[in-house]
């Protein structure tokens, strides 16, 4: 099954971040998935003036990708020729595709094809002077796919190099110049969707959810017959996802910053679970619960009671017995908790939720994160949480009795706030209710500091940086938001950056591959190009919208809560922006369809 491995490598090797609707005029108009990347050598003046370029210029990340990585691949090839050959293949394909405009699309499945269902997809690159060399590399890949159950073709049209799957002819895989009406650019729904986001992005992603659901329905009918197709349609209708039409995401430069935008076309009126996005803006009362000194926070709306109700209704539309099963489960929970879960627990809890970290209250790191809920009925929520606490106490201690151990739920008073907590090794999960808010954290000290909010230096609404970003991104009526004060939260994350980067270069040096002494820039240099990052989302009649801003791609992950994940996710992406041409010996030419 070697062809399956090679095919997976080709698909997974597509750039994860990928100006304009790159090559969309060459993509068939019925594509259900499309990703376009302008190329690292074609990002223009936006990149030249960006924080991203400044960070790269003060780091050795480009050297790592241009020099160290090729030598690592060569060393791997010495130890394991087959793996080394595979890595060289990925590098040979990925490098030119990273540098030049590249697009990948999925055209769905041809269920009427001879021999059975046939997936249709293509990867194309406007490779310029590298076109012939890239074609040879792709030809070598295609030769490994001989024996696949559907056609695999490679061809070149001028500087455009293409590998397609499932198409018998070039004309089906790529729209000819001058026939824009047949392409995505000529697709009315695509144009409407991209009109809601950045007009000149560096990377764009698009999903025709409506077309994808139709394809799935056809597949279900083919495999299970008319009854299965009817059941699928019933599920889609019950959940309300048939109202989900298209999704488009873009990333690009906004001055010196990096901007991402997303639009989910889900026109009203919405039904089923899709009504969960019909939310009011986050209230000032919720924002006042977040300290001005918070280094990181996120707020969103999620109505537990509404979700349970919609889920029950959807279950009934699909199968009355499923609804009965749902009711039975809720009945069991009611007997165990001695309360009506929907009425006594879910409804008193509000739909506004927040997570934040304030180094001044609980130090830096994820263990200092505080959860806040703006309650609908504080008194009823207090009673319900007490019953939930009693249930957990009885259940857990019933199991621990055999080991002669016990978990104790305790209470302590700090000022006028009653804090509930349970002592466990390492953490002491705690909660309290004050001023209409539920506060929860891993330690009573954190809850005590959170409930004192309002008596100190003010809330996030008093932060000039947050207010400025909210105005810049149009988030005054946002239903969801996040904010990271990178200049204040990067210190601890930077240490994890250092360890993560040193792990890579240290391993390479152990095997005799010389690496630069410093991969990432010193912290003072990095701080020169850090500013707060934020995102805001809202819903209107057209659907769901999101806008975000950060110094460079993924920078918001580099706060202390991002940690190692941030370093692992961001460093490779940032470094690739400066990947230069790395020439390898061309693969032997193969005869493929041209």
Protein backbone atom coordinates (compact mmCIF):
# COMPACT_ATOMS: atom_id res chain seq x y z
CA UNK A 1 0.00 0.00 0.00
CA UNK A 2 2.93 2.32 -0.67
CA UNK A 3 0.81 4.58 -2.92
CA UNK A 4 -1.42 5.38 0.08
CA UNK A 5 1.56 6.56 2.12
CA UNK A 6 2.82 8.76 -0.73
CA UNK A 7 -0.65 10.22 -1.29
CA UNK A 8 -0.93 11.05 2.40
CA UNK A 9 2.45 12.78 2.31
CA UNK A 10 1.37 14.91 -0.66
CA UNK A 11 -1.87 15.98 1.00
CA UNK A 12 -0.41 16.58 4.45
CA UNK A 13 2.52 18.46 2.94
CA UNK A 14 0.27 21.29 1.79
CA UNK A 15 1.21 24.56 3.53
CA UNK A 16 -0.80 25.03 6.69
CA UNK A 17 -0.86 28.80 6.20
CA UNK A 18 -1.45 29.82 2.88
CA UNK A 19 -2.62 37.59 -1.17
CA UNK A 20 -5.83 37.36 -2.72
CA UNK A 21 -7.79 34.39 -3.80
CA UNK A 22 -4.68 32.58 -4.93
CA UNK A 23 -5.24 30.62 -8.16
CA UNK A 24 -9.00 30.58 -7.46
CA UNK A 25 -9.55 31.45 -11.14
CA UNK A 26 -8.03 28.06 -12.00
CA UNK A 27 -10.05 26.06 -9.44
CA UNK A 28 -13.34 24.49 -10.63
CA UNK A 29 -16.40 26.33 -9.35
CA UNK A 30 -17.87 23.24 -7.68
CA UNK A 31 -14.94 22.73 -5.28
CA UNK A 32 -16.13 22.00 -1.74
CA UNK A 33 -12.76 22.77 -0.14
CA UNK A 34 -10.11 25.28 -1.25
CA UNK A 35 -6.89 26.53 0.36
CA UNK A 36 -4.73 29.17 -1.31
CA UNK A 37 -1.31 30.48 -0.30
CA UNK A 38 0.31 33.50 -1.96
CA UNK A 39 3.86 32.23 -1.46
CA UNK A 40 6.58 33.48 0.85
CA UNK A 41 8.27 35.36 -2.00
CA UNK A 42 5.10 37.21 -3.02
CA UNK A 43 3.79 38.75 0.18
CA UNK A 44 4.77 42.27 -0.91
CA UNK A 45 5.07 45.50 1.04
CA UNK A 46 2.85 44.23 3.86
CA UNK A 47 5.49 41.72 4.88
CA UNK A 48 8.38 44.18 4.44
CA UNK A 49 6.84 46.53 7.03
CA UNK A 50 5.63 43.84 9.43
CA UNK A 51 6.59 42.73 12.92
CA UNK A 52 6.98 39.27 11.43
CA UNK A 53 9.87 40.35 9.20
CA UNK A 54 11.49 42.23 12.07
CA UNK A 55 11.37 39.15 14.33
CA UNK A 56 12.78 36.95 11.58
CA UNK A 57 15.59 39.40 10.87
CA UNK A 58 16.64 39.28 14.53
CA UNK A 59 16.51 35.47 14.76
CA UNK A 60 18.29 32.48 13.23
CA UNK A 61 15.07 30.69 12.27
CA UNK A 62 15.72 31.16 8.53
CA UNK A 63 19.17 29.56 8.93
CA UNK A 64 17.57 26.62 10.72
CA UNK A 65 15.24 25.92 7.80
CA UNK A 66 17.64 26.78 4.99
CA UNK A 67 20.75 25.06 6.32
CA UNK A 68 20.20 22.85 9.36
CA UNK A 69 17.05 21.05 8.21
CA UNK A 70 18.58 19.92 4.86
CA UNK A 71 21.60 18.55 6.73
CA UNK A 72 19.32 16.74 9.16
CA UNK A 73 17.52 15.15 6.20
CA UNK A 74 20.87 14.11 4.72
CA UNK A 75 21.94 12.58 8.04
CA UNK A 76 18.67 10.69 8.36
CA UNK A 77 19.21 9.39 4.83
CA UNK A 78 22.55 7.93 5.86
CA UNK A 79 20.93 6.00 8.69
CA UNK A 80 17.70 5.07 6.92
CA UNK A 81 17.76 5.57 3.12
CA UNK A 82 14.03 4.95 2.71
CA UNK A 83 13.01 7.52 5.31
CA UNK A 84 15.63 9.94 4.01
CA UNK A 85 14.28 9.57 0.48
CA UNK A 86 10.77 10.28 1.72
CA UNK A 87 11.92 13.40 3.61
CA UNK A 88 13.81 14.65 0.54
CA UNK A 89 10.68 14.11 -1.51
CA UNK A 90 8.58 16.16 0.91
CA UNK A 91 11.27 18.88 1.00
CA UNK A 92 11.57 18.90 -2.79
CA UNK A 93 7.82 19.40 -3.16
CA UNK A 94 7.20 21.63 -0.16
CA UNK A 95 9.98 24.19 -0.67
CA UNK A 96 8.89 25.53 -4.09
CA UNK A 97 5.23 25.35 -3.08
CA UNK A 98 6.02 27.39 0.00
CA UNK A 99 7.83 30.03 -2.06
CA UNK A 100 5.28 30.34 -4.88
CA UNK A 101 1.48 30.76 -5.14
CA UNK A 102 -0.06 27.39 -4.34
CA UNK A 103 -3.61 26.10 -4.07
CA UNK A 104 -5.21 22.85 -3.06
CA UNK A 105 -8.85 21.94 -3.59
CA UNK A 106 -11.23 19.05 -3.20
CA UNK A 107 -13.93 18.75 -5.84
CA UNK A 108 -15.97 16.21 -3.97
CA UNK A 109 -16.71 12.67 -5.09
CA UNK A 110 -17.94 11.42 -8.45
CA UNK A 111 -20.41 8.73 -7.38
CA UNK A 112 -21.26 7.80 -10.97
CA UNK A 113 -17.70 7.05 -12.07
CA UNK A 114 -16.96 3.69 -13.61
CA UNK A 115 -15.48 1.38 -11.00
CA UNK A 116 -17.16 3.08 -8.06
CA UNK A 117 -17.02 6.42 -6.22
CA UNK A 118 -14.03 8.51 -7.23
CA UNK A 119 -12.68 11.41 -5.12
CA UNK A 120 -11.58 14.49 -7.06
CA UNK A 121 -8.82 16.82 -5.89
CA UNK A 122 -5.80 18.72 -7.18
CA UNK A 123 -2.72 20.50 -5.91
CA UNK A 124 -1.34 23.28 -8.12
CA UNK A 125 1.59 25.69 -7.92
CA UNK A 126 2.52 28.67 -10.08
CA UNK A 127 6.19 27.85 -9.71
CA UNK A 128 7.75 30.30 -12.18
CA UNK A 129 11.33 29.36 -13.07
CA UNK A 130 11.09 26.32 -10.80
CA UNK A 131 8.17 24.83 -12.73
CA UNK A 132 10.12 22.21 -14.66
CA UNK A 133 12.02 21.02 -11.60
CA UNK A 134 8.82 20.84 -9.57
CA UNK A 135 7.12 18.86 -12.33
CA UNK A 136 9.89 16.26 -12.20
CA UNK A 137 9.46 15.96 -8.45
CA UNK A 138 5.70 15.53 -8.83
CA UNK A 139 6.20 12.99 -11.61
CA UNK A 140 8.33 10.95 -9.22
CA UNK A 141 5.49 11.04 -6.68
CA UNK A 142 2.94 10.03 -9.30
CA UNK A 143 5.04 7.05 -10.29
CA UNK A 144 4.73 5.81 -6.71
CA UNK A 145 0.94 6.08 -6.98
CA UNK A 146 0.68 3.61 -9.84
CA UNK A 147 -1.97 1.11 -8.90
CA UNK A 148 -4.20 3.56 -7.04
CA UNK A 149 -7.91 2.92 -7.64
CA UNK A 150 -8.45 6.28 -9.36
CA UNK A 151 -6.57 8.32 -11.99
CA UNK A 152 -3.54 10.34 -10.91
CA UNK A 153 -2.24 12.89 -13.43
CA UNK A 154 0.62 15.38 -13.46
CA UNK A 155 0.94 18.15 -16.01
CA UNK A 156 2.23 21.64 -16.65
CA UNK A 157 0.46 24.62 -18.22
CA UNK A 158 3.03 27.38 -18.58
CA UNK A 159 4.37 28.03 -15.08
CA UNK A 160 1.43 26.17 -13.47
CA UNK A 161 2.33 22.68 -12.23
CA UNK A 162 -0.51 20.36 -11.23
CA UNK A 163 -1.04 16.94 -9.71
CA UNK A 164 -4.66 15.82 -9.81
CA UNK A 165 -6.55 12.84 -8.46
CA UNK A 166 -9.77 11.47 -9.92
CA UNK A 167 -9.77 13.44 -13.18
CA UNK A 168 -9.41 11.79 -16.59
CA UNK A 169 -8.29 14.99 -18.36
CA UNK A 170 -6.51 18.24 -17.59
CA UNK A 171 -9.59 20.25 -18.57
CA UNK A 172 -11.55 18.79 -15.67
CA UNK A 173 -8.89 19.44 -13.03
CA UNK A 174 -7.94 23.01 -13.98
CA UNK A 175 -10.08 25.81 -15.40
CA UNK A 176 -8.54 27.23 -18.58
CA UNK A 177 -7.49 30.90 -18.68
CA UNK A 178 -10.34 33.05 -19.93
CA UNK A 179 -13.03 30.71 -18.55
CA UNK A 180 -13.37 32.44 -15.18
CA UNK A 181 -17.12 31.87 -15.11
CA UNK A 182 -16.44 28.14 -14.59
CA UNK A 183 -14.06 28.76 -11.66
CA UNK A 184 -14.49 29.60 -7.99
CA UNK A 185 -14.06 33.27 -8.89
CA UNK A 186 -17.22 32.96 -10.99
CA UNK A 187 -19.13 31.19 -8.20
CA UNK A 188 -21.66 33.66 -6.74
CA UNK A 189 -21.72 32.02 -3.31
CA UNK A 190 -17.92 32.05 -3.11
CA UNK A 191 -17.79 35.74 -4.04
CA UNK A 192 -20.40 36.59 -1.40
CA UNK A 193 -18.47 34.71 1.27
CA UNK A 194 -15.05 36.19 0.52
CA UNK A 195 -16.66 39.64 0.42
CA UNK A 196 -17.03 39.37 4.19
CA UNK A 197 -13.31 38.96 4.94
CA UNK A 198 -9.89 40.40 4.07
CA UNK A 199 -9.82 41.40 0.40
CA UNK A 200 -6.07 40.81 -0.07
CA UNK A 201 -5.06 37.97 2.25
CA UNK A 202 -1.83 36.04 2.25
CA UNK A 203 -3.70 32.81 2.96
CA UNK A 204 -7.32 31.84 2.39
CA UNK A 205 -9.36 28.77 3.25
CA UNK A 206 -12.90 28.04 2.02
CA UNK A 207 -15.42 25.26 2.68
CA UNK A 208 -18.69 24.86 0.82
CA UNK A 209 -20.56 23.20 3.69
CA UNK A 210 -23.80 23.05 1.72
CA UNK A 211 -22.08 21.21 -1.13
CA UNK A 212 -20.22 18.97 1.30
CA UNK A 213 -23.43 17.94 3.08
CA UNK A 214 -24.99 17.16 -0.29
CA UNK A 215 -22.02 14.97 -1.17
CA UNK A 216 -22.28 13.13 2.14
CA UNK A 217 -25.98 12.56 1.55
CA UNK A 218 -25.26 11.04 -1.86
CA UNK A 219 -22.67 8.77 -0.33
CA UNK A 220 -25.04 7.65 2.42
CA UNK A 221 -27.71 6.84 -0.15
CA UNK A 222 -25.24 4.92 -2.29
CA UNK A 223 -24.05 2.84 0.63
CA UNK A 224 -27.28 2.44 2.63
CA UNK A 225 -30.10 3.05 0.20
CA UNK A 226 -33.13 5.33 0.36
CA UNK A 227 -33.87 4.61 4.02
CA UNK A 228 -30.36 5.58 5.13
CA UNK A 229 -30.55 8.75 3.01
CA UNK A 230 -33.87 9.66 4.61
CA UNK A 231 -32.42 9.15 8.09
CA UNK A 232 -29.39 11.30 7.20
CA UNK A 233 -31.68 14.09 5.95
CA UNK A 234 -33.66 13.81 9.17
CA UNK A 235 -30.53 14.20 11.31
CA UNK A 236 -29.32 17.20 9.30
CA UNK A 237 -32.72 18.86 9.55
CA UNK A 238 -33.12 18.13 13.26
CA UNK A 239 -29.73 19.59 14.15
CA UNK A 240 -30.31 22.62 11.93
CA UNK A 241 -26.96 22.27 10.21
CA UNK A 242 -28.68 22.52 6.83
CA UNK A 243 -28.65 26.27 7.53
CA UNK A 244 -24.84 26.21 7.55
CA UNK A 245 -23.81 27.25 4.02
CA UNK A 246 -20.18 28.28 3.69
CA UNK A 247 -17.07 29.02 5.77
CA UNK A 248 -14.18 31.27 4.71
CA UNK A 249 -11.02 32.18 6.66
CA UNK A 250 -8.22 34.58 5.72
CA UNK A 251 -4.90 35.69 7.16
CA UNK A 252 -2.87 38.71 6.07
CA UNK A 253 -1.12 41.88 7.12
CA UNK A 254 -2.82 44.90 8.68
CA UNK A 255 -0.12 47.52 8.92
CA UNK A 256 2.70 45.94 10.88
CA UNK A 257 0.35 43.39 12.48
CA UNK A 258 -1.08 40.05 11.39
CA UNK A 259 -4.84 39.92 10.91
CA UNK A 260 -7.16 36.93 10.61
CA UNK A 261 -10.83 37.05 9.69
CA UNK A 262 -13.46 34.35 9.49
CA UNK A 263 -17.05 34.28 8.24
CA UNK A 264 -19.54 31.46 8.60
CA UNK A 265 -22.49 31.94 6.25
CA UNK A 266 -25.53 30.81 8.23
CA UNK A 267 -28.36 33.17 7.29
CA UNK A 268 -31.28 33.64 9.64
CA UNK A 269 -33.69 32.54 10.77
CA UNK A 270 -31.61 29.68 12.18
CA UNK A 271 -32.95 26.48 13.72
CA UNK A 272 -31.76 23.58 15.85
CA UNK A 273 -28.30 23.72 17.36
CA UNK A 274 -27.40 26.52 14.96
CA UNK A 275 -29.51 28.85 17.13
CA UNK A 276 -26.71 28.58 19.70
CA UNK A 277 -24.88 31.34 17.79
CA UNK A 278 -27.84 33.73 18.21
CA UNK A 279 -26.37 35.53 21.21
CA UNK A 280 -26.47 39.00 22.73
CA UNK A 281 -23.27 41.05 23.10
CA UNK A 282 -21.09 40.38 26.13
CA UNK A 283 -22.31 42.63 28.95
CA UNK A 284 -20.28 45.28 30.74
CA UNK A 285 -21.07 43.47 34.00
CA UNK A 286 -19.20 40.43 32.68
CA UNK A 287 -16.24 42.52 31.56
CA UNK A 288 -16.08 44.23 34.95
CA UNK A 289 -15.30 40.84 36.49
CA UNK A 290 -12.00 40.72 34.56
CA UNK A 291 -9.16 42.66 36.25
CA UNK A 292 -7.45 45.44 34.35
CA UNK A 293 -4.17 43.67 35.05
CA UNK A 294 -5.27 40.38 33.42
CA UNK A 295 -2.52 39.16 31.11
CA UNK A 296 -4.86 36.81 29.24
CA UNK A 297 -8.62 36.36 29.03
CA UNK A 298 -11.37 34.93 26.85
CA UNK A 299 -15.14 35.40 27.07
CA UNK A 300 -17.95 33.66 25.22
CA UNK A 301 -21.60 32.75 25.46
CA UNK A 302 -22.94 29.22 25.90
CA UNK A 303 -26.40 28.53 27.29
CA UNK A 304 -26.42 25.11 28.97
CA UNK A 305 -30.19 25.09 29.36
CA UNK A 306 -30.82 26.02 25.75
CA UNK A 307 -28.30 23.47 24.52
CA UNK A 308 -29.94 20.67 26.50
CA UNK A 309 -33.40 21.72 25.26
CA UNK A 310 -32.29 21.90 21.61
CA UNK A 311 -30.52 18.56 21.92
CA UNK A 312 -33.68 16.94 23.33
CA UNK A 313 -35.82 18.42 20.55
CA UNK A 314 -33.38 17.28 17.87
CA UNK A 315 -33.31 13.77 19.33
CA UNK A 316 -37.11 13.64 19.17
CA UNK A 317 -37.16 14.72 15.53
CA UNK A 318 -34.75 11.97 14.60
CA UNK A 319 -36.28 9.24 16.72
CA UNK A 320 -38.97 9.52 19.43
CA UNK A 321 -37.22 6.73 21.34
CA UNK A 322 -34.04 8.79 21.41
CA UNK A 323 -35.94 11.59 23.10
CA UNK A 324 -37.34 9.11 25.62
CA UNK A 325 -33.79 7.93 26.29
CA UNK A 326 -32.70 11.52 26.85
CA UNK A 327 -35.57 12.05 29.30
CA UNK A 328 -34.69 8.85 31.15
CA UNK A 329 -31.07 9.96 31.52
CA UNK A 330 -32.20 13.31 32.89
CA UNK A 331 -34.55 11.47 35.26
CA UNK A 332 -31.72 9.34 36.60
CA UNK A 333 -29.65 12.48 37.13
CA UNK A 334 -32.58 14.10 38.92
CA UNK A 335 -32.86 11.21 41.37
CA UNK A 336 -29.12 11.12 42.01
CA UNK A 337 -28.74 14.87 42.50
CA UNK A 338 -32.14 15.40 44.16
CA UNK A 339 -32.97 18.24 41.81
CA UNK A 340 -34.29 18.92 38.33
CA UNK A 341 -31.07 19.31 36.34
CA UNK A 342 -32.62 21.50 33.64
CA UNK A 343 -34.63 23.80 35.92
CA UNK A 344 -32.53 23.83 39.08
CA UNK A 345 -28.98 23.69 37.65
CA UNK A 346 -28.77 24.62 33.96
CA UNK A 347 -31.24 27.52 33.99
CA UNK A 348 -29.76 29.38 37.01
CA UNK A 349 -26.32 29.26 35.38
CA UNK A 350 -25.85 32.10 32.91
CA UNK A 351 -24.68 31.92 29.31
CA UNK A 352 -21.71 34.30 29.76
CA UNK A 353 -18.45 32.49 30.54
CA UNK A 354 -14.95 33.86 31.05
CA UNK A 355 -11.47 32.48 31.68
CA UNK A 356 -8.62 34.76 32.68
CA UNK A 357 -5.16 34.80 34.19
CA UNK A 358 -3.91 37.70 36.30
CA UNK A 359 -0.26 37.37 37.43
CA UNK A 360 -0.94 39.88 40.21
CA UNK A 361 -3.64 37.64 41.70
CA UNK A 362 -2.37 34.11 41.19
CA UNK A 363 1.08 34.27 39.60
CA UNK A 364 1.92 33.20 36.06
CA UNK A 365 0.89 29.91 34.51
CA UNK A 366 -2.20 27.86 33.77
CA UNK A 367 -2.80 26.84 37.41
CA UNK A 368 -3.72 30.47 38.14
CA UNK A 369 -6.57 30.57 35.61
CA UNK A 370 -9.96 31.69 36.95
CA UNK A 371 -13.37 30.70 35.56
CA UNK A 372 -16.24 33.20 35.82
CA UNK A 373 -19.92 32.74 34.99
CA UNK A 374 -22.46 35.57 35.06
CA UNK A 375 -25.34 33.80 36.82
CA UNK A 376 -29.00 34.14 35.91
CA UNK A 377 -30.24 33.20 39.41
CA UNK A 378 -27.40 33.38 41.98
CA UNK A 379 -29.41 32.05 44.94
CA UNK A 380 -30.76 29.04 43.03
CA UNK A 381 -27.32 28.36 41.57
CA UNK A 382 -25.88 28.35 45.11
CA UNK A 383 -28.38 25.69 46.18
CA UNK A 384 -27.82 23.57 43.05
CA UNK A 385 -24.03 23.64 43.40
CA UNK A 386 -24.39 22.64 47.05
CA UNK A 387 -26.41 19.58 46.03
CA UNK A 388 -23.87 18.76 43.31
CA UNK A 389 -21.13 19.01 45.90
CA UNK A 390 -23.02 16.64 48.22
CA UNK A 391 -23.51 14.13 45.40
CA UNK A 392 -19.79 14.14 44.58
CA UNK A 393 -18.95 13.83 48.27
CA UNK A 394 -21.15 10.74 48.70
CA UNK A 395 -20.07 9.11 45.43
CA UNK A 396 -16.33 9.62 45.79
CA UNK A 397 -16.11 8.83 49.48
CA UNK A 398 -18.16 5.71 48.99
CA UNK A 399 -15.39 4.45 46.74
CA UNK A 400 -12.57 5.65 49.01
CA UNK A 401 -13.95 4.12 52.17
CA UNK A 402 -12.29 0.79 51.40
CA UNK A 403 -8.88 2.47 51.40
CA UNK A 404 -9.75 4.33 54.63
CA UNK A 405 -9.44 7.66 52.85
CA UNK A 406 -11.82 10.56 52.53
CA UNK A 407 -12.17 13.65 50.38
CA UNK A 408 -13.51 16.55 52.42
CA UNK A 409 -15.49 19.46 51.02
CA UNK A 410 -14.85 22.48 53.23
CA UNK A 411 -15.76 26.16 53.41
CA UNK A 412 -13.80 29.20 54.49
CA UNK A 413 -14.74 32.86 54.80
CA UNK A 414 -12.55 35.56 53.28
CA UNK A 415 -14.01 38.97 54.02
CA UNK A 416 -17.70 38.62 53.25
CA UNK A 417 -17.18 35.81 50.69
CA UNK A 418 -17.86 32.17 51.49
CA UNK A 419 -15.43 29.97 49.50
CA UNK A 420 -16.10 26.26 48.98
CA UNK A 421 -13.07 24.04 48.39
CA UNK A 422 -11.87 20.45 48.47
CA UNK A 423 -8.35 19.52 49.58
CA UNK A 424 -6.54 17.28 47.10
CA UNK A 425 -2.87 16.62 46.43
CA UNK A 426 -1.41 19.50 44.35
CA UNK A 427 -4.70 21.36 43.85
CA UNK A 428 -7.74 22.42 45.88
CA UNK A 429 -10.65 23.04 43.46
CA UNK A 430 -12.64 25.99 44.80
CA UNK A 431 -15.69 28.11 44.01
CA UNK A 432 -17.66 31.03 45.35
CA UNK A 433 -20.55 33.29 44.33
CA UNK A 434 -20.34 37.06 44.69
CA UNK A 435 -21.98 40.04 42.98
CA UNK A 436 -23.99 37.72 40.72
CA UNK A 437 -20.92 35.87 39.46
CA UNK A 438 -19.72 32.33 39.99
CA UNK A 439 -15.94 32.12 40.42
CA UNK A 440 -14.03 28.84 40.20
CA UNK A 441 -10.29 28.08 40.29
CA UNK A 442 -7.79 25.45 41.38
CA UNK A 443 -7.04 27.13 44.72
CA UNK A 444 -9.09 29.13 47.27
CA UNK A 445 -6.44 31.85 47.18
CA UNK A 446 -7.19 32.43 43.50
CA UNK A 447 -10.93 32.59 44.15
CA UNK A 448 -10.38 35.01 47.04
CA UNK A 449 -8.39 37.33 44.80
CA UNK A 450 -10.97 37.07 42.00
CA UNK A 451 -13.94 37.88 44.23
CA UNK A 452 -12.11 40.98 45.46
CA UNK A 453 -12.12 42.32 41.87
CA UNK A 454 -13.66 45.80 41.79
CA UNK A 455 -11.89 47.00 44.90
CA UNK A 456 -8.50 47.30 43.19
CA UNK A 457 -7.19 49.00 40.07
CA UNK A 458 -10.27 48.58 37.89
CA UNK A 459 -11.47 46.15 35.23
CA UNK A 460 -10.45 45.27 31.69
CA UNK A 461 -12.73 48.09 30.57
CA UNK A 462 -10.16 50.47 32.09
CA UNK A 463 -7.34 49.01 29.99
CA UNK A 464 -6.46 51.45 27.20
CA UNK A 465 -4.88 48.68 25.09
CA UNK A 466 -7.98 46.44 25.27
CA UNK A 467 -10.40 49.29 24.54
CA UNK A 468 -8.30 50.44 21.56
CA UNK A 469 -8.17 46.94 20.06
CA UNK A 470 -11.90 46.44 20.57
CA UNK A 471 -12.61 49.69 18.69
CA UNK A 472 -10.10 48.89 15.91
CA UNK A 473 -11.65 45.48 15.29
CA UNK A 474 -15.27 46.59 15.64
CA UNK A 475 -15.85 44.47 18.72
CA UNK A 476 -18.05 46.80 20.78
CA UNK A 477 -21.03 44.47 20.26
CA UNK A 478 -19.05 41.23 20.30
CA UNK A 479 -20.60 38.03 21.63
CA UNK A 480 -17.17 36.46 22.14
CA UNK A 481 -13.64 37.77 22.58
CA UNK A 482 -10.11 36.98 23.67
CA UNK A 483 -7.22 39.21 24.75
CA UNK A 484 -3.55 38.55 25.47
CA UNK A 485 -1.23 41.21 26.87
CA UNK A 486 1.87 39.75 25.21
CA UNK A 487 4.40 42.30 26.56
CA UNK A 488 3.37 41.28 30.10
CA UNK A 489 2.80 37.56 29.61
CA UNK A 490 5.72 36.54 27.41
CA UNK A 491 8.39 36.20 30.12
CA UNK A 492 7.50 32.72 31.31
CA UNK A 493 6.54 31.59 27.83
CA UNK A 494 9.90 32.82 26.56
CA UNK A 495 11.72 30.45 28.90
CA UNK A 496 9.73 27.56 27.46
CA UNK A 497 10.58 28.86 23.97
CA UNK A 498 14.25 28.68 24.86
CA UNK A 499 13.96 25.13 26.11
CA UNK A 500 11.90 24.03 23.11
CA UNK A 501 14.29 25.50 20.56
CA UNK A 502 17.34 24.19 22.44
CA UNK A 503 15.86 20.70 22.43
CA UNK A 504 15.89 20.76 18.63
CA UNK A 505 19.32 22.30 18.11
CA UNK A 506 20.86 20.32 20.94
CA UNK A 507 19.77 17.02 19.41
CA UNK A 508 21.14 18.08 16.04
CA UNK A 509 24.50 19.05 17.55
CA UNK A 510 24.75 15.67 19.28
CA UNK A 511 24.72 14.07 15.84
CA UNK A 512 27.41 16.37 14.45
CA UNK A 513 25.15 18.90 12.72
CA UNK A 514 26.37 22.40 13.54
CA UNK A 515 23.57 24.76 14.58
CA UNK A 516 23.40 28.50 15.37
CA UNK A 517 24.02 29.41 19.03
CA UNK A 518 20.77 31.40 19.27
CA UNK A 519 17.69 30.39 17.29
CA UNK A 520 15.19 32.88 18.68
CA UNK A 521 16.10 36.52 19.41
CA UNK A 522 16.93 37.76 22.92
CA UNK A 523 13.84 38.73 24.92
CA UNK A 524 14.45 42.52 24.79
CA UNK A 525 14.66 42.35 20.97
CA UNK A 526 11.51 40.23 20.80
CA UNK A 527 9.63 42.60 23.09
CA UNK A 528 10.29 45.48 20.68
CA UNK A 529 7.83 43.79 18.30
CA UNK A 530 5.22 42.54 20.76
CA UNK A 531 1.90 44.22 21.41
CA UNK A 532 -1.42 42.97 22.83
CA UNK A 533 -3.37 40.53 20.68
CA UNK A 534 -7.14 40.19 20.55
CA UNK A 535 -10.03 38.61 18.69
CA UNK A 536 -13.73 39.50 18.61
CA UNK A 537 -16.69 37.61 17.19
CA UNK A 538 -20.34 38.47 16.60
CA UNK A 539 -23.44 37.23 14.81
CA UNK A 540 -25.80 39.02 12.43
CA UNK A 541 -28.46 37.99 9.92
CA UNK A 542 -25.79 36.78 7.47
CA UNK A 543 -23.98 34.53 9.94
CA UNK A 544 -21.02 34.49 12.33
CA UNK A 545 -18.03 36.85 12.00
CA UNK A 546 -14.60 36.93 13.64
CA UNK A 547 -11.66 39.35 13.45
CA UNK A 548 -8.36 39.07 15.25
CA UNK A 549 -5.09 40.98 15.41
CA UNK A 550 -1.64 39.95 16.67
CA UNK A 551 1.99 40.99 16.08
CA UNK A 552 2.67 37.93 13.88
CA UNK A 553 0.99 34.57 13.13
CA UNK A 554 0.29 32.62 16.31
CA UNK A 555 1.81 35.23 18.62
CA UNK A 556 -1.14 34.99 21.02
CA UNK A 557 -0.01 31.44 21.83
CA UNK A 558 3.25 32.73 23.21
CA UNK A 559 1.89 33.98 26.50
CA UNK A 560 2.54 31.92 29.60
CA UNK A 561 -0.63 29.88 29.04
CA UNK A 562 0.59 29.00 25.54
CA UNK A 563 3.88 27.62 26.79
CA UNK A 564 5.46 24.75 24.94
CA UNK A 565 2.43 24.39 22.68
CA UNK A 566 2.95 27.96 21.51
CA UNK A 567 6.63 27.42 20.78
CA UNK A 568 5.98 24.14 18.98
CA UNK A 569 3.20 25.60 16.86
CA UNK A 570 4.61 29.03 16.08
CA UNK A 571 8.35 28.60 15.56
CA UNK A 572 8.12 26.33 12.49
CA UNK A 573 5.47 28.55 10.85
CA UNK A 574 7.39 31.76 11.49
CA UNK A 575 10.64 30.25 10.25
CA UNK A 576 9.10 29.01 7.01
CA UNK A 577 8.25 32.56 5.96
CA UNK A 578 11.93 32.99 5.14
CA UNK A 579 12.56 29.60 3.54
CA UNK A 580 14.92 30.07 0.63
CA UNK A 581 15.43 27.83 -2.33
CA UNK A 582 17.18 24.58 -1.50
CA UNK A 583 18.11 22.77 -4.67
CA UNK A 584 18.38 19.04 -4.79
CA UNK A 585 19.36 16.67 -7.53
CA UNK A 586 16.30 16.34 -9.77
CA UNK A 587 14.44 13.08 -9.76
CA UNK A 588 14.66 10.93 -12.86
CA UNK A 589 12.06 12.05 -15.42
CA UNK A 590 9.02 9.86 -15.78
CA UNK A 591 6.44 9.63 -18.50
CA UNK A 592 3.17 10.87 -17.17
CA UNK A 593 0.10 12.36 -18.81
CA UNK A 594 0.84 15.91 -19.93
